[in-house]
PDB file of N, CA and C in Angstrom:
ATOM      1  N   UNK A   1      92.215 170.622 176.560  1.00  0.00           N
ATOM      2  CA  UNK A   1      93.175 169.562 176.480  1.00  0.00           C
ATOM      3  C   UNK A   1      93.876 169.407 177.827  1.00  0.00           C
ATOM      4  N   UNK A   2      93.183 169.013 178.842  1.00  0.00           N
ATOM      5  CA  UNK A   2      93.713 168.934 180.187  1.00  0.00           C
ATOM      6  C   UNK A   2      94.351 167.593 180.502  1.00  0.00           C
ATOM      7  N   UNK A   3      94.393 166.680 179.557  1.00  0.00           N
ATOM      8  CA  UNK A   3      94.931 165.352 179.794  1.00  0.00           C
ATOM      9  C   UNK A   3      96.455 165.416 179.852  1.00  0.00           C
ATOM     10  N   UNK A   4      97.013 165.393 181.062  1.00  0.00           N
ATOM     11  CA  UNK A   4      98.456 165.463 181.254  1.00  0.00           C
ATOM     12  C   UNK A   4      98.896 164.300 182.114  1.00  0.00           C
ATOM     13  N   UNK A   5     100.143 163.965 181.993  1.00  0.00           N
ATOM     14  CA  UNK A   5     100.720 162.918 182.812  1.00  0.00           C
ATOM     15  C   UNK A   5     102.124 163.344 183.205  1.00  0.00           C
ATOM     16  N   UNK A   6     102.598 162.840 184.322  1.00  0.00           N
ATOM     17  CA  UNK A   6     103.897 163.244 184.850  1.00  0.00           C
ATOM     18  C   UNK A   6     104.838 162.066 184.983  1.00  0.00           C
ATOM     19  N   UNK A   7     106.133 162.367 184.925  1.00  0.00           N
ATOM     20  CA  UNK A   7     107.180 161.405 185.230  1.00  0.00           C
ATOM     21  C   UNK A   7     108.151 162.101 186.175  1.00  0.00           C
ATOM     22  N   UNK A   8     108.332 161.540 187.355  1.00  0.00           N
ATOM     23  CA  UNK A   8     109.320 162.057 188.288  1.00  0.00           C
ATOM     24  C   UNK A   8     110.654 161.410 187.953  1.00  0.00           C
ATOM     25  N   UNK A   9     111.664 162.237 187.784  1.00  0.00           N
ATOM     26  CA  UNK A   9     112.972 161.748 187.373  1.00  0.00           C
ATOM     27  C   UNK A   9     113.757 161.180 188.553  1.00  0.00           C
ATOM     28  N   UNK A  10     114.427 160.078 188.337  1.00  0.00           N
ATOM     29  CA  UNK A  10     115.324 159.511 189.349  1.00  0.00           C
ATOM     30  C   UNK A  10     116.619 160.308 189.419  1.00  0.00           C
ATOM     31  N   UNK A  11     116.992 160.875 188.262  1.00  0.00           N
ATOM     32  CA  UNK A  11     118.246 161.612 188.148  1.00  0.00           C
ATOM     33  C   UNK A  11     117.964 162.990 187.545  1.00  0.00           C
ATOM     34  N   UNK A  12     117.540 163.933 188.381  1.00  0.00           N
ATOM     35  CA  UNK A  12     117.234 165.278 187.871  1.00  0.00           C
ATOM     36  C   UNK A  12     118.438 165.868 187.132  1.00  0.00           C
ATOM     37  N   UNK A  13     118.146 166.765 186.206  1.00  0.00           N
ATOM     38  CA  UNK A  13     119.206 167.411 185.435  1.00  0.00           C
ATOM     39  C   UNK A  13     118.929 168.906 185.342  1.00  0.00           C
ATOM     40  N   UNK A  14     119.934 169.633 184.888  1.00  0.00           N
ATOM     41  CA  UNK A  14     119.813 171.075 184.736  1.00  0.00           C
ATOM     42  C   UNK A  14     119.925 171.421 183.258  1.00  0.00           C
ATOM     43  N   UNK A  15     119.004 172.250 182.785  1.00  0.00           N
ATOM     44  CA  UNK A  15     119.009 172.668 181.381  1.00  0.00           C
ATOM     45  C   UNK A  15     120.125 173.679 181.138  1.00  0.00           C
ATOM     46  N   UNK A  16     120.380 173.966 179.885  1.00  0.00           N
ATOM     47  CA  UNK A  16     121.388 174.963 179.515  1.00  0.00           C
ATOM     48  C   UNK A  16     121.043 176.339 180.085  1.00  0.00           C
ATOM     49  N   UNK A  17     119.747 176.596 180.287  1.00  0.00           N
ATOM     50  CA  UNK A  17     119.295 177.881 180.839  1.00  0.00           C
ATOM     51  C   UNK A  17     119.367 177.907 182.364  1.00  0.00           C
ATOM     52  N   UNK A  18     119.808 176.793 182.974  1.00  0.00           N
ATOM     53  CA  UNK A  18     119.947 176.745 184.420  1.00  0.00           C
ATOM     54  C   UNK A  18     118.717 176.267 185.169  1.00  0.00           C
ATOM     55  N   UNK A  19     117.707 175.782 184.454  1.00  0.00           N
ATOM     56  CA  UNK A  19     116.481 175.279 185.084  1.00  0.00           C
ATOM     57  C   UNK A  19     116.705 173.844 185.541  1.00  0.00           C
ATOM     58  N   UNK A  20     116.468 173.564 186.824  1.00  0.00           N
ATOM     59  CA  UNK A  20     116.577 172.202 187.332  1.00  0.00           C
ATOM     60  C   UNK A  20     115.287 171.460 186.998  1.00  0.00           C
ATOM     61  N   UNK A  21     115.424 170.311 186.365  1.00  0.00           N
ATOM     62  CA  UNK A  21     114.267 169.520 185.956  1.00  0.00           C
ATOM     63  C   UNK A  21     114.228 168.267 186.816  1.00  0.00           C
ATOM     64  N   UNK A  22     113.198 168.159 187.635  1.00  0.00           N
ATOM     65  CA  UNK A  22     113.013 167.009 188.512  1.00  0.00           C
ATOM     66  C   UNK A  22     111.829 166.152 188.095  1.00  0.00           C
ATOM     67  N   UNK A  23     110.956 166.746 187.283  1.00  0.00           N
ATOM     68  CA  UNK A  23     109.734 166.069 186.858  1.00  0.00           C
ATOM     69  C   UNK A  23     109.360 166.569 185.475  1.00  0.00           C
ATOM     70  N   UNK A  24     108.890 165.670 184.645  1.00  0.00           N
ATOM     71  CA  UNK A  24     108.389 166.045 183.326  1.00  0.00           C
ATOM     72  C   UNK A  24     106.876 165.965 183.353  1.00  0.00           C
ATOM     73  N   UNK A  25     106.226 167.009 182.903  1.00  0.00           N
ATOM     74  CA  UNK A  25     104.772 167.037 182.792  1.00  0.00           C
ATOM     75  C   UNK A  25     104.421 167.075 181.311  1.00  0.00           C
ATOM     76  N   UNK A  26     103.833 166.004 180.836  1.00  0.00           N
ATOM     77  CA  UNK A  26     103.494 165.877 179.421  1.00  0.00           C
ATOM     78  C   UNK A  26     102.119 166.453 179.135  1.00  0.00           C
ATOM     79  N   UNK A  27     102.002 167.131 178.024  1.00  0.00           N
ATOM     80  CA  UNK A  27     100.700 167.544 177.515  1.00  0.00           C
ATOM     81  C   UNK A  27     100.444 166.730 176.253  1.00  0.00           C
ATOM     82  N   UNK A  28      99.189 166.538 175.938  1.00  0.00           N
ATOM     83  CA  UNK A  28      98.857 165.824 174.702  1.00  0.00           C
ATOM     84  C   UNK A  28      99.248 166.691 173.514  1.00  0.00           C
ATOM     85  N   UNK A  29      99.673 166.055 172.463  1.00  0.00           N
ATOM     86  CA  UNK A  29     100.135 166.762 171.275  1.00  0.00           C
ATOM     87  C   UNK A  29      99.031 166.900 170.240  1.00  0.00           C
ATOM     88  N   UNK A  30      99.275 167.782 169.294  1.00  0.00           N
ATOM     89  CA  UNK A  30      98.331 168.037 168.213  1.00  0.00           C
ATOM     90  C   UNK A  30      98.978 167.679 166.871  1.00  0.00           C
ATOM     91  N   UNK A  31      98.199 167.734 165.834  1.00  0.00           N
ATOM     92  CA  UNK A  31      98.710 167.501 164.485  1.00  0.00           C
ATOM     93  C   UNK A  31      99.784 168.543 164.158  1.00  0.00           C
ATOM     94  N   UNK A  32      99.618 169.743 164.631  1.00  0.00           N
ATOM     95  CA  UNK A  32     100.621 170.798 164.415  1.00  0.00           C
ATOM     96  C   UNK A  32     101.978 170.360 164.967  1.00  0.00           C
ATOM     97  N   UNK A  33     101.986 169.754 166.136  1.00  0.00           N
ATOM     98  CA  UNK A  33     103.230 169.255 166.730  1.00  0.00           C
ATOM     99  C   UNK A  33     103.840 168.156 165.863  1.00  0.00           C
ATOM    100  N   UNK A  34     103.003 167.263 165.367  1.00  0.00           N
ATOM    101  CA  UNK A  34     103.473 166.169 164.522  1.00  0.00           C
ATOM    102  C   UNK A  34     104.088 166.701 163.234  1.00  0.00           C
ATOM    103  N   UNK A  35     103.442 167.675 162.625  1.00  0.00           N
ATOM    104  CA  UNK A  35     103.979 168.262 161.387  1.00  0.00           C
ATOM    105  C   UNK A  35     105.328 168.914 161.631  1.00  0.00           C
ATOM    106  N   UNK A  36     105.443 169.646 162.717  1.00  0.00           N
ATOM    107  CA  UNK A  36     106.711 170.315 163.035  1.00  0.00           C
ATOM    108  C   UNK A  36     107.823 169.288 163.277  1.00  0.00           C
ATOM    109  N   UNK A  37     107.488 168.212 163.976  1.00  0.00           N
ATOM    110  CA  UNK A  37     108.480 167.174 164.250  1.00  0.00           C
ATOM    111  C   UNK A  37     108.910 166.477 162.965  1.00  0.00           C
ATOM    112  N   UNK A  38     107.956 166.211 162.081  1.00  0.00           N
ATOM    113  CA  UNK A  38     108.280 165.591 160.795  1.00  0.00           C
ATOM    114  C   UNK A  38     109.253 166.456 159.997  1.00  0.00           C
ATOM    115  N   UNK A  39     109.020 167.737 159.994  1.00  0.00           N
ATOM    116  CA  UNK A  39     109.888 168.661 159.254  1.00  0.00           C
ATOM    117  C   UNK A  39     111.293 168.684 159.842  1.00  0.00           C
ATOM    118  N   UNK A  40     111.392 168.716 161.155  1.00  0.00           N
ATOM    119  CA  UNK A  40     112.703 168.790 161.810  1.00  0.00           C
ATOM    120  C   UNK A  40     113.469 167.480 161.717  1.00  0.00           C
ATOM    121  N   UNK A  41     112.770 166.358 161.702  1.00  0.00           N
ATOM    122  CA  UNK A  41     113.425 165.047 161.759  1.00  0.00           C
ATOM    123  C   UNK A  41     113.936 164.568 160.406  1.00  0.00           C
ATOM    124  N   UNK A  42     113.398 165.061 159.331  1.00  0.00           N
ATOM    125  CA  UNK A  42     113.812 164.647 157.985  1.00  0.00           C
ATOM    126  C   UNK A  42     113.864 163.125 157.827  1.00  0.00           C
ATOM    127  N   UNK A  43     112.830 162.445 158.334  1.00  0.00           N
ATOM    128  CA  UNK A  43     112.740 161.003 158.169  1.00  0.00           C
ATOM    129  C   UNK A  43     113.432 160.169 159.234  1.00  0.00           C
ATOM    130  N   UNK A  44     114.087 160.782 160.193  1.00  0.00           N
ATOM    131  CA  UNK A  44     114.761 160.055 161.263  1.00  0.00           C
ATOM    132  C   UNK A  44     113.768 159.860 162.415  1.00  0.00           C
ATOM    133  N   UNK A  45     113.337 158.613 162.625  1.00  0.00           N
ATOM    134  CA  UNK A  45     112.295 158.322 163.619  1.00  0.00           C
ATOM    135  C   UNK A  45     112.733 158.672 165.040  1.00  0.00           C
ATOM    136  N   UNK A  46     113.994 158.445 165.375  1.00  0.00           N
ATOM    137  CA  UNK A  46     114.479 158.749 166.725  1.00  0.00           C
ATOM    138  C   UNK A  46     114.448 160.252 166.982  1.00  0.00           C
ATOM    139  N   UNK A  47     114.838 161.017 166.000  1.00  0.00           N
ATOM    140  CA  UNK A  47     114.814 162.480 166.136  1.00  0.00           C
ATOM    141  C   UNK A  47     113.375 162.972 166.227  1.00  0.00           C
ATOM    142  N   UNK A  48     112.494 162.383 165.425  1.00  0.00           N
ATOM    143  CA  UNK A  48     111.085 162.784 165.463  1.00  0.00           C
ATOM    144  C   UNK A  48     110.498 162.561 166.857  1.00  0.00           C
ATOM    145  N   UNK A  49     110.783 161.396 167.450  1.00  0.00           N
ATOM    146  CA  UNK A  49     110.274 161.126 168.791  1.00  0.00           C
ATOM    147  C   UNK A  49     110.834 162.112 169.808  1.00  0.00           C
ATOM    148  N   UNK A  50     112.116 162.427 169.703  1.00  0.00           N
ATOM    149  CA  UNK A  50     112.740 163.374 170.622  1.00  0.00           C
ATOM    150  C   UNK A  50     112.121 164.761 170.487  1.00  0.00           C
ATOM    151  N   UNK A  51     111.860 165.178 169.251  1.00  0.00           N
ATOM    152  CA  UNK A  51     111.238 166.483 169.022  1.00  0.00           C
ATOM    153  C   UNK A  51     109.823 166.501 169.603  1.00  0.00           C
ATOM    154  N   UNK A  52     109.065 165.450 169.346  1.00  0.00           N
ATOM    155  CA  UNK A  52     107.705 165.382 169.884  1.00  0.00           C
ATOM    156  C   UNK A  52     107.709 165.391 171.410  1.00  0.00           C
ATOM    157  N   UNK A  53     108.610 164.609 172.005  1.00  0.00           N
ATOM    158  CA  UNK A  53     108.666 164.574 173.462  1.00  0.00           C
ATOM    159  C   UNK A  53     109.056 165.941 174.019  1.00  0.00           C
ATOM    160  N   UNK A  54     110.018 166.594 173.393  1.00  0.00           N
ATOM    161  CA  UNK A  54     110.434 167.910 173.892  1.00  0.00           C
ATOM    162  C   UNK A  54     109.291 168.915 173.798  1.00  0.00           C
ATOM    163  N   UNK A  55     108.522 168.864 172.708  1.00  0.00           N
ATOM    164  CA  UNK A  55     107.372 169.756 172.575  1.00  0.00           C
ATOM    165  C   UNK A  55     106.321 169.445 173.630  1.00  0.00           C
ATOM    166  N   UNK A  56     106.158 168.181 173.942  1.00  0.00           N
ATOM    167  CA  UNK A  56     105.156 167.764 174.914  1.00  0.00           C
ATOM    168  C   UNK A  56     105.484 168.251 176.323  1.00  0.00           C
ATOM    169  N   UNK A  57     106.773 168.298 176.664  1.00  0.00           N
ATOM    170  CA  UNK A  57     107.157 168.703 178.024  1.00  0.00           C
ATOM    171  C   UNK A  57     107.609 170.150 178.118  1.00  0.00           C
ATOM    172  N   UNK A  58     107.636 170.856 176.979  1.00  0.00           N
ATOM    173  CA  UNK A  58     107.980 172.275 177.004  1.00  0.00           C
ATOM    174  C   UNK A  58     109.462 172.564 177.129  1.00  0.00           C
ATOM    175  N   UNK A  59     110.297 171.637 176.668  1.00  0.00           N
ATOM    176  CA  UNK A  59     111.743 171.846 176.667  1.00  0.00           C
ATOM    177  C   UNK A  59     112.242 171.754 175.230  1.00  0.00           C
ATOM    178  N   UNK A  60     113.473 172.142 175.011  1.00  0.00           N
ATOM    179  CA  UNK A  60     114.074 171.968 173.693  1.00  0.00           C
ATOM    180  C   UNK A  60     114.813 170.635 173.667  1.00  0.00           C
ATOM    181  N   UNK A  61     115.034 170.109 172.487  1.00  0.00           N
ATOM    182  CA  UNK A  61     115.660 168.784 172.381  1.00  0.00           C
ATOM    183  C   UNK A  61     117.042 168.753 173.029  1.00  0.00           C
ATOM    184  N   UNK A  62     117.773 169.834 172.954  1.00  0.00           N
ATOM    185  CA  UNK A  62     119.098 169.886 173.576  1.00  0.00           C
ATOM    186  C   UNK A  62     119.010 169.705 175.092  1.00  0.00           C
ATOM    187  N   UNK A  63     117.926 170.167 175.688  1.00  0.00           N
ATOM    188  CA  UNK A  63     117.734 169.958 177.133  1.00  0.00           C
ATOM    189  C   UNK A  63     117.558 168.477 177.435  1.00  0.00           C
ATOM    190  N   UNK A  64     116.794 167.794 176.602  1.00  0.00           N
ATOM    191  CA  UNK A  64     116.571 166.366 176.830  1.00  0.00           C
ATOM    192  C   UNK A  64     117.841 165.556 176.649  1.00  0.00           C
ATOM    193  N   UNK A  65     118.805 166.076 175.897  1.00  0.00           N
ATOM    194  CA  UNK A  65     120.087 165.391 175.732  1.00  0.00           C
ATOM    195  C   UNK A  65     120.810 165.213 177.064  1.00  0.00           C
ATOM    196  N   UNK A  66     120.515 166.063 178.035  1.00  0.00           N
ATOM    197  CA  UNK A  66     121.163 165.979 179.342  1.00  0.00           C
ATOM    198  C   UNK A  66     120.480 164.979 180.280  1.00  0.00           C
ATOM    199  N   UNK A  67     119.363 164.398 179.847  1.00  0.00           N
ATOM    200  CA  UNK A  67     118.607 163.483 180.696  1.00  0.00           C
ATOM    201  C   UNK A  67     119.300 162.123 180.791  1.00  0.00           C
ATOM    202  N   UNK A  68     119.287 161.551 181.983  1.00  0.00           N
ATOM    203  CA  UNK A  68     119.814 160.206 182.187  1.00  0.00           C
ATOM    204  C   UNK A  68     119.011 159.209 181.356  1.00  0.00           C
ATOM    205  N   UNK A  69     119.677 158.208 180.801  1.00  0.00           N
ATOM    206  CA  UNK A  69     119.017 157.263 179.901  1.00  0.00           C
ATOM    207  C   UNK A  69     117.906 156.481 180.605  1.00  0.00           C
ATOM    208  N   UNK A  70     118.081 156.161 181.896  1.00  0.00           N
ATOM    209  CA  UNK A  70     117.029 155.446 182.632  1.00  0.00           C
ATOM    210  C   UNK A  70     115.770 156.301 182.721  1.00  0.00           C
ATOM    211  N   UNK A  71     115.948 157.581 182.981  1.00  0.00           N
ATOM    212  CA  UNK A  71     114.799 158.490 183.026  1.00  0.00           C
ATOM    213  C   UNK A  71     114.191 158.666 181.638  1.00  0.00           C
ATOM    214  N   UNK A  72     115.035 158.714 180.613  1.00  0.00           N
ATOM    215  CA  UNK A  72     114.520 158.867 179.261  1.00  0.00           C
ATOM    216  C   UNK A  72     113.652 157.677 178.874  1.00  0.00           C
ATOM    217  N   UNK A  73     114.101 156.476 179.228  1.00  0.00           N
ATOM    218  CA  UNK A  73     113.317 155.283 178.889  1.00  0.00           C
ATOM    219  C   UNK A  73     111.969 155.285 179.613  1.00  0.00           C
ATOM    220  N   UNK A  74     111.959 155.703 180.878  1.00  0.00           N
ATOM    221  CA  UNK A  74     110.693 155.793 181.619  1.00  0.00           C
ATOM    222  C   UNK A  74     109.786 156.850 180.996  1.00  0.00           C
ATOM    223  N   UNK A  75     110.366 157.984 180.625  1.00  0.00           N
ATOM    224  CA  UNK A  75     109.590 159.052 179.993  1.00  0.00           C
ATOM    225  C   UNK A  75     109.080 158.607 178.625  1.00  0.00           C
ATOM    226  N   UNK A  76     109.905 157.867 177.906  1.00  0.00           N
ATOM    227  CA  UNK A  76     109.532 157.364 176.589  1.00  0.00           C
ATOM    228  C   UNK A  76     108.306 156.460 176.688  1.00  0.00           C
ATOM    229  N   UNK A  77     108.281 155.571 177.676  1.00  0.00           N
ATOM    230  CA  UNK A  77     107.121 154.680 177.869  1.00  0.00           C
ATOM    231  C   UNK A  77     105.861 155.490 178.142  1.00  0.00           C
ATOM    232  N   UNK A  78     105.958 156.448 179.027  1.00  0.00           N
ATOM    233  CA  UNK A  78     104.800 157.275 179.378  1.00  0.00           C
ATOM    234  C   UNK A  78     104.355 158.094 178.180  1.00  0.00           C
ATOM    235  N   UNK A  79     105.311 158.645 177.455  1.00  0.00           N
ATOM    236  CA  UNK A  79     105.015 159.460 176.278  1.00  0.00           C
ATOM    237  C   UNK A  79     104.270 158.653 175.223  1.00  0.00           C
ATOM    238  N   UNK A  80     104.703 157.442 174.987  1.00  0.00           N
ATOM    239  CA  UNK A  80     104.069 156.587 173.971  1.00  0.00           C
ATOM    240  C   UNK A  80     102.623 156.272 174.329  1.00  0.00           C
ATOM    241  N   UNK A  81     102.310 156.181 175.611  1.00  0.00           N
ATOM    242  CA  UNK A  81     100.934 155.919 176.034  1.00  0.00           C
ATOM    243  C   UNK A  81     100.012 157.098 175.735  1.00  0.00           C
ATOM    244  N   UNK A  82     100.580 158.300 175.667  1.00  0.00           N
ATOM    245  CA  UNK A  82      99.764 159.483 175.365  1.00  0.00           C
ATOM    246  C   UNK A  82      99.185 159.452 173.964  1.00  0.00           C
ATOM    247  N   UNK A  83      99.858 158.770 173.046  1.00  0.00           N
ATOM    248  CA  UNK A  83      99.379 158.780 171.669  1.00  0.00           C
ATOM    249  C   UNK A  83      98.397 157.653 171.386  1.00  0.00           C
ATOM    250  N   UNK A  84      98.117 156.845 172.391  1.00  0.00           N
ATOM    251  CA  UNK A  84      97.130 155.757 172.226  1.00  0.00           C
ATOM    252  C   UNK A  84      95.718 156.291 172.263  1.00  0.00           C
TER     253      UNK A  84
END
């Protein structure tokens, strides 16, 4: 599963663990990821997408909460293309 794509952030952020995030590298997701996101989201589509995106980039959802909205929208577009 080597199909990955990157998004360079305009506004880098720092995670709660102190990791500076300047670029997101997405990996393709599996059915296992989808099932886990469905369970965590309890029917909330926005939460499900956030969980899936966090799993794809190897961060926790709380880390993504610190991301600038402009970067999130760019990452969201790229992320959605991965599921096509």
